[in-house]
């Protein structure tokens, strides 16, 4: 197996990993920012006030984007497994 093939496999996996992480993190960051702005405007310093909306946002994202995320991982794995004969030979 050539170093270029290893780098292609690694970069493909890393690209999928970053995509999946961003799908989960970006909405949570936006909700956290909005809640922080609300807390700053009202001077409410409650820690659970920022935690619960971010948790609910993450759960909703996983609920709605979960099938797409799973399909993305499955496609990458199937392509990787089917390319094993070309990579070895």
PDB file of N, CA and C in Angstrom:
ATOM      1  N   UNK A   1       0.852  -1.165   0.000  1.00  0.00           N
ATOM      2  CA  UNK A   1       0.000   0.000   0.000  1.00  0.00           C
ATOM      3  C   UNK A   1       0.904   1.236   0.000  1.00  0.00           C
ATOM      4  N   UNK A   2       0.613   2.156  -0.872  1.00  0.00           N
ATOM      5  CA  UNK A   2       1.461   3.336  -1.028  1.00  0.00           C
ATOM      6  C   UNK A   2       1.118   4.398   0.023  1.00  0.00           C
ATOM      7  N   UNK A   3       2.053   5.261   0.302  1.00  0.00           N
ATOM      8  CA  UNK A   3       1.768   6.343   1.253  1.00  0.00           C
ATOM      9  C   UNK A   3       0.639   7.264   0.778  1.00  0.00           C
ATOM     10  N   UNK A   4       0.489   7.434  -0.526  1.00  0.00           N
ATOM     11  CA  UNK A   4      -0.586   8.270  -1.038  1.00  0.00           C
ATOM     12  C   UNK A   4      -1.950   7.669  -0.724  1.00  0.00           C
ATOM     13  N   UNK A   5      -2.052   6.335  -0.825  1.00  0.00           N
ATOM     14  CA  UNK A   5      -3.314   5.667  -0.513  1.00  0.00           C
ATOM     15  C   UNK A   5      -3.651   5.818   0.962  1.00  0.00           C
ATOM     16  N   UNK A   6      -2.644   5.701   1.814  1.00  0.00           N
ATOM     17  CA  UNK A   6      -2.866   5.866   3.254  1.00  0.00           C
ATOM     18  C   UNK A   6      -3.334   7.285   3.555  1.00  0.00           C
ATOM     19  N   UNK A   7      -2.698   8.254   2.909  1.00  0.00           N
ATOM     20  CA  UNK A   7      -3.095   9.650   3.122  1.00  0.00           C
ATOM     21  C   UNK A   7      -4.497   9.927   2.595  1.00  0.00           C
ATOM     22  N   UNK A   8      -4.869   9.308   1.483  1.00  0.00           N
ATOM     23  CA  UNK A   8      -6.228   9.470   0.957  1.00  0.00           C
ATOM     24  C   UNK A   8      -7.261   8.899   1.918  1.00  0.00           C
ATOM     25  N   UNK A   9      -6.986   7.710   2.457  1.00  0.00           N
ATOM     26  CA  UNK A   9      -7.900   7.096   3.411  1.00  0.00           C
ATOM     27  C   UNK A   9      -8.011   7.953   4.663  1.00  0.00           C
ATOM     28  N   UNK A  10      -6.867   8.416   5.151  1.00  0.00           N
ATOM     29  CA  UNK A  10      -6.857   9.228   6.362  1.00  0.00           C
ATOM     30  C   UNK A  10      -7.573  10.559   6.147  1.00  0.00           C
ATOM     31  N   UNK A  11      -7.326  11.200   5.017  1.00  0.00           N
ATOM     32  CA  UNK A  11      -7.963  12.498   4.767  1.00  0.00           C
ATOM     33  C   UNK A  11      -9.476  12.342   4.566  1.00  0.00           C
ATOM     34  N   UNK A  12      -9.901  11.262   3.930  1.00  0.00           N
ATOM     35  CA  UNK A  12     -11.341  11.011   3.784  1.00  0.00           C
ATOM     36  C   UNK A  12     -12.015  10.794   5.121  1.00  0.00           C
ATOM     37  N   UNK A  13     -11.374  10.008   5.976  1.00  0.00           N
ATOM     38  CA  UNK A  13     -11.927   9.782   7.312  1.00  0.00           C
ATOM     39  C   UNK A  13     -11.949  11.046   8.142  1.00  0.00           C
ATOM     40  N   UNK A  14     -10.892  11.832   8.039  1.00  0.00           N
ATOM     41  CA  UNK A  14     -10.820  13.083   8.789  1.00  0.00           C
ATOM     42  C   UNK A  14     -11.866  14.077   8.293  1.00  0.00           C
ATOM     43  N   UNK A  15     -12.092  14.118   6.985  1.00  0.00           N
ATOM     44  CA  UNK A  15     -13.116  15.005   6.424  1.00  0.00           C
ATOM     45  C   UNK A  15     -14.504  14.636   6.934  1.00  0.00           C
ATOM     46  N   UNK A  16     -14.806  13.339   6.980  1.00  0.00           N
ATOM     47  CA  UNK A  16     -16.099  12.888   7.486  1.00  0.00           C
ATOM     48  C   UNK A  16     -16.216  13.197   8.974  1.00  0.00           C
ATOM     49  N   UNK A  17     -15.143  12.988   9.711  1.00  0.00           N
ATOM     50  CA  UNK A  17     -15.152  13.275  11.141  1.00  0.00           C
ATOM     51  C   UNK A  17     -15.428  14.749  11.410  1.00  0.00           C
ATOM     52  N   UNK A  18     -14.758  15.628  10.692  1.00  0.00           N
ATOM     53  CA  UNK A  18     -14.965  17.067  10.886  1.00  0.00           C
ATOM     54  C   UNK A  18     -16.386  17.459  10.496  1.00  0.00           C
ATOM     55  N   UNK A  19     -16.896  16.888   9.414  1.00  0.00           N
ATOM     56  CA  UNK A  19     -18.265  17.181   8.993  1.00  0.00           C
ATOM     57  C   UNK A  19     -19.265  16.781  10.062  1.00  0.00           C
ATOM     58  N   UNK A  20     -19.115  15.578  10.611  1.00  0.00           N
ATOM     59  CA  UNK A  20     -20.047  15.105  11.626  1.00  0.00           C
ATOM     60  C   UNK A  20     -19.953  15.929  12.907  1.00  0.00           C
ATOM     61  N   UNK A  21     -18.751  16.323  13.276  1.00  0.00           N
ATOM     62  CA  UNK A  21     -18.590  17.127  14.482  1.00  0.00           C
ATOM     63  C   UNK A  21     -19.206  18.509  14.291  1.00  0.00           C
ATOM     64  N   UNK A  22     -18.986  19.116  13.122  1.00  0.00           N
ATOM     65  CA  UNK A  22     -19.533  20.448  12.871  1.00  0.00           C
ATOM     66  C   UNK A  22     -21.055  20.446  12.840  1.00  0.00           C
ATOM     67  N   UNK A  23     -21.643  19.370  12.324  1.00  0.00           N
ATOM     68  CA  UNK A  23     -23.102  19.279  12.282  1.00  0.00           C
ATOM     69  C   UNK A  23     -23.674  19.302  13.697  1.00  0.00           C
ATOM     70  N   UNK A  24     -22.971  18.712  14.637  1.00  0.00           N
ATOM     71  CA  UNK A  24     -23.446  18.670  16.016  1.00  0.00           C
ATOM     72  C   UNK A  24     -23.064  19.941  16.780  1.00  0.00           C
ATOM     73  N   UNK A  25     -21.835  20.413  16.588  1.00  0.00           N
ATOM     74  CA  UNK A  25     -21.336  21.512  17.410  1.00  0.00           C
ATOM     75  C   UNK A  25     -21.862  22.884  17.019  1.00  0.00           C
ATOM     76  N   UNK A  26     -21.960  23.181  15.739  1.00  0.00           N
ATOM     77  CA  UNK A  26     -22.343  24.534  15.329  1.00  0.00           C
ATOM     78  C   UNK A  26     -23.708  24.970  15.858  1.00  0.00           C
ATOM     79  N   UNK A  27     -24.754  24.153  15.755  1.00  0.00           N
ATOM     80  CA  UNK A  27     -26.037  24.591  16.334  1.00  0.00           C
ATOM     81  C   UNK A  27     -25.960  24.775  17.853  1.00  0.00           C
ATOM     82  N   UNK A  28     -25.202  23.921  18.524  1.00  0.00           N
ATOM     83  CA  UNK A  28     -25.061  24.064  19.974  1.00  0.00           C
ATOM     84  C   UNK A  28     -24.314  25.341  20.334  1.00  0.00           C
ATOM     85  N   UNK A  29     -23.310  25.688  19.550  1.00  0.00           N
ATOM     86  CA  UNK A  29     -22.582  26.931  19.786  1.00  0.00           C
ATOM     87  C   UNK A  29     -23.474  28.144  19.559  1.00  0.00           C
ATOM     88  N   UNK A  30     -24.298  28.099  18.526  1.00  0.00           N
ATOM     89  CA  UNK A  30     -25.201  29.215  18.256  1.00  0.00           C
ATOM     90  C   UNK A  30     -26.206  29.374  19.382  1.00  0.00           C
ATOM     91  N   UNK A  31     -26.783  28.266  19.831  1.00  0.00           N
ATOM     92  CA  UNK A  31     -27.749  28.327  20.931  1.00  0.00           C
ATOM     93  C   UNK A  31     -27.062  28.809  22.207  1.00  0.00           C
ATOM     94  N   UNK A  32     -25.865  28.332  22.467  1.00  0.00           N
ATOM     95  CA  UNK A  32     -25.123  28.790  23.640  1.00  0.00           C
ATOM     96  C   UNK A  32     -24.830  30.276  23.586  1.00  0.00           C
ATOM     97  N   UNK A  33     -24.506  30.784  22.406  1.00  0.00           N
ATOM     98  CA  UNK A  33     -24.250  32.214  22.246  1.00  0.00           C
ATOM     99  C   UNK A  33     -25.515  33.025  22.494  1.00  0.00           C
ATOM    100  N   UNK A  34     -26.632  32.566  21.955  1.00  0.00           N
ATOM    101  CA  UNK A  34     -27.905  33.278  22.148  1.00  0.00           C
ATOM    102  C   UNK A  34     -28.289  33.287  23.622  1.00  0.00           C
ATOM    103  N   UNK A  35     -28.140  32.151  24.293  1.00  0.00           N
ATOM    104  CA  UNK A  35     -28.465  32.080  25.719  1.00  0.00           C
ATOM    105  C   UNK A  35     -27.523  32.961  26.529  1.00  0.00           C
ATOM    106  N   UNK A  36     -26.253  33.006  26.148  1.00  0.00           N
ATOM    107  CA  UNK A  36     -25.293  33.864  26.853  1.00  0.00           C
ATOM    108  C   UNK A  36     -25.650  35.335  26.683  1.00  0.00           C
ATOM    109  N   UNK A  37     -26.073  35.697  25.480  1.00  0.00           N
ATOM    110  CA  UNK A  37     -26.510  37.083  25.260  1.00  0.00           C
ATOM    111  C   UNK A  37     -27.733  37.401  26.111  1.00  0.00           C
ATOM    112  N   UNK A  38     -28.664  36.462  26.204  1.00  0.00           N
ATOM    113  CA  UNK A  38     -29.849  36.648  27.044  1.00  0.00           C
ATOM    114  C   UNK A  38     -29.451  36.778  28.514  1.00  0.00           C
ATOM    115  N   UNK A  39     -28.519  35.946  28.945  1.00  0.00           N
ATOM    116  CA  UNK A  39     -28.061  36.013  30.333  1.00  0.00           C
ATOM    117  C   UNK A  39     -27.354  37.332  30.623  1.00  0.00           C
ATOM    118  N   UNK A  40     -26.577  37.797  29.675  1.00  0.00           N
ATOM    119  CA  UNK A  40     -25.881  39.070  29.874  1.00  0.00           C
ATOM    120  C   UNK A  40     -26.861  40.234  29.909  1.00  0.00           C
ATOM    121  N   UNK A  41     -27.895  40.167  29.082  1.00  0.00           N
ATOM    122  CA  UNK A  41     -28.870  41.257  29.032  1.00  0.00           C
ATOM    123  C   UNK A  41     -29.736  41.295  30.286  1.00  0.00           C
ATOM    124  N   UNK A  42     -30.061  40.116  30.825  1.00  0.00           N
ATOM    125  CA  UNK A  42     -30.934  40.065  32.000  1.00  0.00           C
ATOM    126  C   UNK A  42     -30.167  39.897  33.300  1.00  0.00           C
ATOM    127  N   UNK A  43     -28.863  39.724  33.219  1.00  0.00           N
ATOM    128  CA  UNK A  43     -27.986  39.531  34.372  1.00  0.00           C
ATOM    129  C   UNK A  43     -28.387  38.305  35.211  1.00  0.00           C
ATOM    130  N   UNK A  44     -28.832  37.274  34.522  1.00  0.00           N
ATOM    131  CA  UNK A  44     -29.126  35.997  35.174  1.00  0.00           C
ATOM    132  C   UNK A  44     -27.880  35.132  35.042  1.00  0.00           C
ATOM    133  N   UNK A  45     -27.322  34.690  36.157  1.00  0.00           N
ATOM    134  CA  UNK A  45     -26.096  33.892  36.123  1.00  0.00           C
ATOM    135  C   UNK A  45     -26.364  32.462  36.590  1.00  0.00           C
ATOM    136  N   UNK A  46     -27.222  31.797  35.888  1.00  0.00           N
ATOM    137  CA  UNK A  46     -27.558  30.420  36.220  1.00  0.00           C
ATOM    138  C   UNK A  46     -26.870  29.492  35.221  1.00  0.00           C
ATOM    139  N   UNK A  47     -26.082  28.537  35.721  1.00  0.00           N
ATOM    140  CA  UNK A  47     -25.320  27.655  34.842  1.00  0.00           C
ATOM    141  C   UNK A  47     -26.211  26.700  34.063  1.00  0.00           C
ATOM    142  N   UNK A  48     -27.277  26.220  34.681  1.00  0.00           N
ATOM    143  CA  UNK A  48     -28.142  25.261  33.990  1.00  0.00           C
ATOM    144  C   UNK A  48     -28.929  25.921  32.876  1.00  0.00           C
ATOM    145  N   UNK A  49     -29.077  27.236  32.932  1.00  0.00           N
ATOM    146  CA  UNK A  49     -29.814  27.932  31.884  1.00  0.00           C
ATOM    147  C   UNK A  49     -29.105  27.821  30.538  1.00  0.00           C
ATOM    148  N   UNK A  50     -27.793  27.760  30.542  1.00  0.00           N
ATOM    149  CA  UNK A  50     -27.077  27.601  29.272  1.00  0.00           C
ATOM    150  C   UNK A  50     -26.875  26.134  28.912  1.00  0.00           C
ATOM    151  N   UNK A  51     -26.860  25.261  29.901  1.00  0.00           N
ATOM    152  CA  UNK A  51     -26.596  23.846  29.643  1.00  0.00           C
ATOM    153  C   UNK A  51     -27.799  23.143  29.017  1.00  0.00           C
ATOM    154  N   UNK A  52     -28.966  23.369  29.545  1.00  0.00           N
ATOM    155  CA  UNK A  52     -30.158  22.645  29.096  1.00  0.00           C
ATOM    156  C   UNK A  52     -30.512  22.955  27.637  1.00  0.00           C
ATOM    157  N   UNK A  53     -30.531  24.207  27.195  1.00  0.00           N
ATOM    158  CA  UNK A  53     -30.827  24.436  25.762  1.00  0.00           C
ATOM    159  C   UNK A  53     -29.788  23.829  24.827  1.00  0.00           C
ATOM    160  N   UNK A  54     -28.515  23.864  25.216  1.00  0.00           N
ATOM    161  CA  UNK A  54     -27.486  23.248  24.373  1.00  0.00           C
ATOM    162  C   UNK A  54     -27.674  21.745  24.313  1.00  0.00           C
ATOM    163  N   UNK A  55     -28.023  21.135  25.433  1.00  0.00           N
ATOM    164  CA  UNK A  55     -28.272  19.696  25.461  1.00  0.00           C
ATOM    165  C   UNK A  55     -29.474  19.336  24.596  1.00  0.00           C
ATOM    166  N   UNK A  56     -30.547  20.099  24.708  1.00  0.00           N
ATOM    167  CA  UNK A  56     -31.732  19.831  23.896  1.00  0.00           C
ATOM    168  C   UNK A  56     -31.452  20.040  22.410  1.00  0.00           C
ATOM    169  N   UNK A  57     -30.662  21.056  22.087  1.00  0.00           N
ATOM    170  CA  UNK A  57     -30.290  21.292  20.689  1.00  0.00           C
ATOM    171  C   UNK A  57     -29.483  20.125  20.140  1.00  0.00           C
ATOM    172  N   UNK A  58     -28.535  19.651  20.919  1.00  0.00           N
ATOM    173  CA  UNK A  58     -27.720  18.517  20.489  1.00  0.00           C
ATOM    174  C   UNK A  58     -28.583  17.276  20.277  1.00  0.00           C
ATOM    175  N   UNK A  59     -29.506  17.021  21.182  1.00  0.00           N
ATOM    176  CA  UNK A  59     -30.387  15.863  21.033  1.00  0.00           C
ATOM    177  C   UNK A  59     -31.282  15.988  19.799  1.00  0.00           C
ATOM    178  N   UNK A  60     -31.799  17.190  19.548  1.00  0.00           N
ATOM    179  CA  UNK A  60     -32.635  17.383  18.357  1.00  0.00           C
ATOM    180  C   UNK A  60     -31.829  17.219  17.072  1.00  0.00           C
ATOM    181  N   UNK A  61     -30.612  17.727  17.071  1.00  0.00           N
ATOM    182  CA  UNK A  61     -29.754  17.560  15.892  1.00  0.00           C
ATOM    183  C   UNK A  61     -29.475  16.078  15.658  1.00  0.00           C
ATOM    184  N   UNK A  62     -29.169  15.341  16.722  1.00  0.00           N
ATOM    185  CA  UNK A  62     -28.923  13.910  16.571  1.00  0.00           C
ATOM    186  C   UNK A  62     -30.170  13.174  16.114  1.00  0.00           C
ATOM    187  N   UNK A  63     -31.327  13.631  16.561  1.00  0.00           N
ATOM    188  CA  UNK A  63     -32.578  12.997  16.155  1.00  0.00           C
ATOM    189  C   UNK A  63     -32.854  13.210  14.671  1.00  0.00           C
ATOM    190  N   UNK A  64     -32.658  14.447  14.190  1.00  0.00           N
ATOM    191  CA  UNK A  64     -32.987  14.746  12.803  1.00  0.00           C
ATOM    192  C   UNK A  64     -31.850  14.434  11.831  1.00  0.00           C
ATOM    193  N   UNK A  65     -30.608  14.675  12.240  1.00  0.00           N
ATOM    194  CA  UNK A  65     -29.476  14.447  11.335  1.00  0.00           C
ATOM    195  C   UNK A  65     -28.826  13.087  11.552  1.00  0.00           C
ATOM    196  N   UNK A  66     -29.269  12.351  12.547  1.00  0.00           N
ATOM    197  CA  UNK A  66     -28.681  11.049  12.851  1.00  0.00           C
ATOM    198  C   UNK A  66     -28.699  10.070  11.690  1.00  0.00           C
ATOM    199  N   UNK A  67     -29.838   9.908  11.011  1.00  0.00           N
ATOM    200  CA  UNK A  67     -29.845   8.979   9.865  1.00  0.00           C
ATOM    201  C   UNK A  67     -28.876   9.390   8.761  1.00  0.00           C
ATOM    202  N   UNK A  68     -28.797  10.683   8.480  1.00  0.00           N
ATOM    203  CA  UNK A  68     -27.846  11.160   7.470  1.00  0.00           C
ATOM    204  C   UNK A  68     -26.412  10.901   7.911  1.00  0.00           C
ATOM    205  N   UNK A  69     -26.127  11.148   9.181  1.00  0.00           N
ATOM    206  CA  UNK A  69     -24.781  10.927   9.701  1.00  0.00           C
ATOM    207  C   UNK A  69     -24.411   9.451   9.636  1.00  0.00           C
ATOM    208  N   UNK A  70     -25.342   8.591  10.021  1.00  0.00           N
ATOM    209  CA  UNK A  70     -25.095   7.153   9.966  1.00  0.00           C
ATOM    210  C   UNK A  70     -24.892   6.690   8.525  1.00  0.00           C
ATOM    211  N   UNK A  71     -25.675   7.226   7.603  1.00  0.00           N
ATOM    212  CA  UNK A  71     -25.532   6.872   6.191  1.00  0.00           C
ATOM    213  C   UNK A  71     -24.167   7.302   5.666  1.00  0.00           C
ATOM    214  N   UNK A  72     -23.688   8.469   6.088  1.00  0.00           N
ATOM    215  CA  UNK A  72     -22.377   8.949   5.666  1.00  0.00           C
ATOM    216  C   UNK A  72     -21.268   8.018   6.156  1.00  0.00           C
ATOM    217  N   UNK A  73     -21.358   7.588   7.392  1.00  0.00           N
ATOM    218  CA  UNK A  73     -20.351   6.674   7.956  1.00  0.00           C
ATOM    219  C   UNK A  73     -20.413   5.318   7.257  1.00  0.00           C
ATOM    220  N   UNK A  74     -21.620   4.838   6.995  1.00  0.00           N
ATOM    221  CA  UNK A  74     -21.772   3.530   6.339  1.00  0.00           C
ATOM    222  C   UNK A  74     -21.215   3.581   4.919  1.00  0.00           C
ATOM    223  N   UNK A  75     -21.503   4.657   4.178  1.00  0.00           N
ATOM    224  CA  UNK A  75     -20.968   4.776   2.822  1.00  0.00           C
ATOM    225  C   UNK A  75     -19.446   4.800   2.821  1.00  0.00           C
ATOM    226  N   UNK A  76     -18.862   5.533   3.750  1.00  0.00           N
ATOM    227  CA  UNK A  76     -17.399   5.587   3.817  1.00  0.00           C
ATOM    228  C   UNK A  76     -16.822   4.211   4.149  1.00  0.00           C
ATOM    229  N   UNK A  77     -17.440   3.512   5.084  1.00  0.00           N
ATOM    230  CA  UNK A  77     -16.951   2.195   5.478  1.00  0.00           C
ATOM    231  C   UNK A  77     -17.084   1.189   4.341  1.00  0.00           C
ATOM    232  N   UNK A  78     -18.206   1.219   3.647  1.00  0.00           N
ATOM    233  CA  UNK A  78     -18.415   0.294   2.525  1.00  0.00           C
ATOM    234  C   UNK A  78     -17.400   0.579   1.420  1.00  0.00           C
ATOM    235  N   UNK A  79     -17.176   1.863   1.115  1.00  0.00           N
ATOM    236  CA  UNK A  79     -16.179   2.202   0.095  1.00  0.00           C
ATOM    237  C   UNK A  79     -14.781   1.783   0.519  1.00  0.00           C
ATOM    238  N   UNK A  80     -14.486   1.939   1.787  1.00  0.00           N
ATOM    239  CA  UNK A  80     -13.169   1.555   2.293  1.00  0.00           C
ATOM    240  C   UNK A  80     -12.978   0.050   2.234  1.00  0.00           C
ATOM    241  N   UNK A  81     -13.970  -0.704   2.627  1.00  0.00           N
ATOM    242  CA  UNK A  81     -13.880  -2.164   2.602  1.00  0.00           C
ATOM    243  C   UNK A  81     -13.829  -2.681   1.160  1.00  0.00           C
ATOM    244  N   UNK A  82     -14.627  -2.076   0.270  1.00  0.00           N
ATOM    245  CA  UNK A  82     -14.595  -2.543  -1.117  1.00  0.00           C
ATOM    246  C   UNK A  82     -13.304  -2.180  -1.843  1.00  0.00           C
ATOM    247  N   UNK A  83     -12.565  -1.206  -1.338  1.00  0.00           N
ATOM    248  CA  UNK A  83     -11.305  -0.826  -1.981  1.00  0.00           C
ATOM    249  C   UNK A  83     -10.102  -1.582  -1.421  1.00  0.00           C
ATOM    250  N   UNK A  84     -10.326  -2.488  -0.489  1.00  0.00           N
ATOM    251  CA  UNK A  84      -9.212  -3.246   0.088  1.00  0.00           C
ATOM    252  C   UNK A  84      -8.456  -4.054  -0.962  1.00  0.00           C
ATOM    253  N   UNK A  85      -9.116  -4.768  -1.885  1.00  0.00           N
ATOM    254  CA  UNK A  85      -8.333  -5.515  -2.877  1.00  0.00           C
ATOM    255  C   UNK A  85      -7.430  -4.636  -3.732  1.00  0.00           C
ATOM    256  N   UNK A  86      -7.909  -3.426  -4.095  1.00  0.00           N
ATOM    257  CA  UNK A  86      -7.069  -2.522  -4.879  1.00  0.00           C
ATOM    258  C   UNK A  86      -5.907  -1.989  -4.046  1.00  0.00           C
ATOM    259  N   UNK A  87      -6.147  -1.764  -2.766  1.00  0.00           N
ATOM    260  CA  UNK A  87      -5.092  -1.218  -1.913  1.00  0.00           C
ATOM    261  C   UNK A  87      -4.001  -2.235  -1.613  1.00  0.00           C
ATOM    262  N   UNK A  88      -4.388  -3.485  -1.479  1.00  0.00           N
ATOM    263  CA  UNK A  88      -3.403  -4.531  -1.173  1.00  0.00           C
ATOM    264  C   UNK A  88      -2.651  -4.928  -2.436  1.00  0.00           C
ATOM    265  N   UNK A  89      -3.376  -5.100  -3.511  1.00  0.00           N
ATOM    266  CA  UNK A  89      -2.756  -5.582  -4.756  1.00  0.00           C
ATOM    267  C   UNK A  89      -2.197  -4.492  -5.527  1.00  0.00           C
TER     268      UNK A  89
END
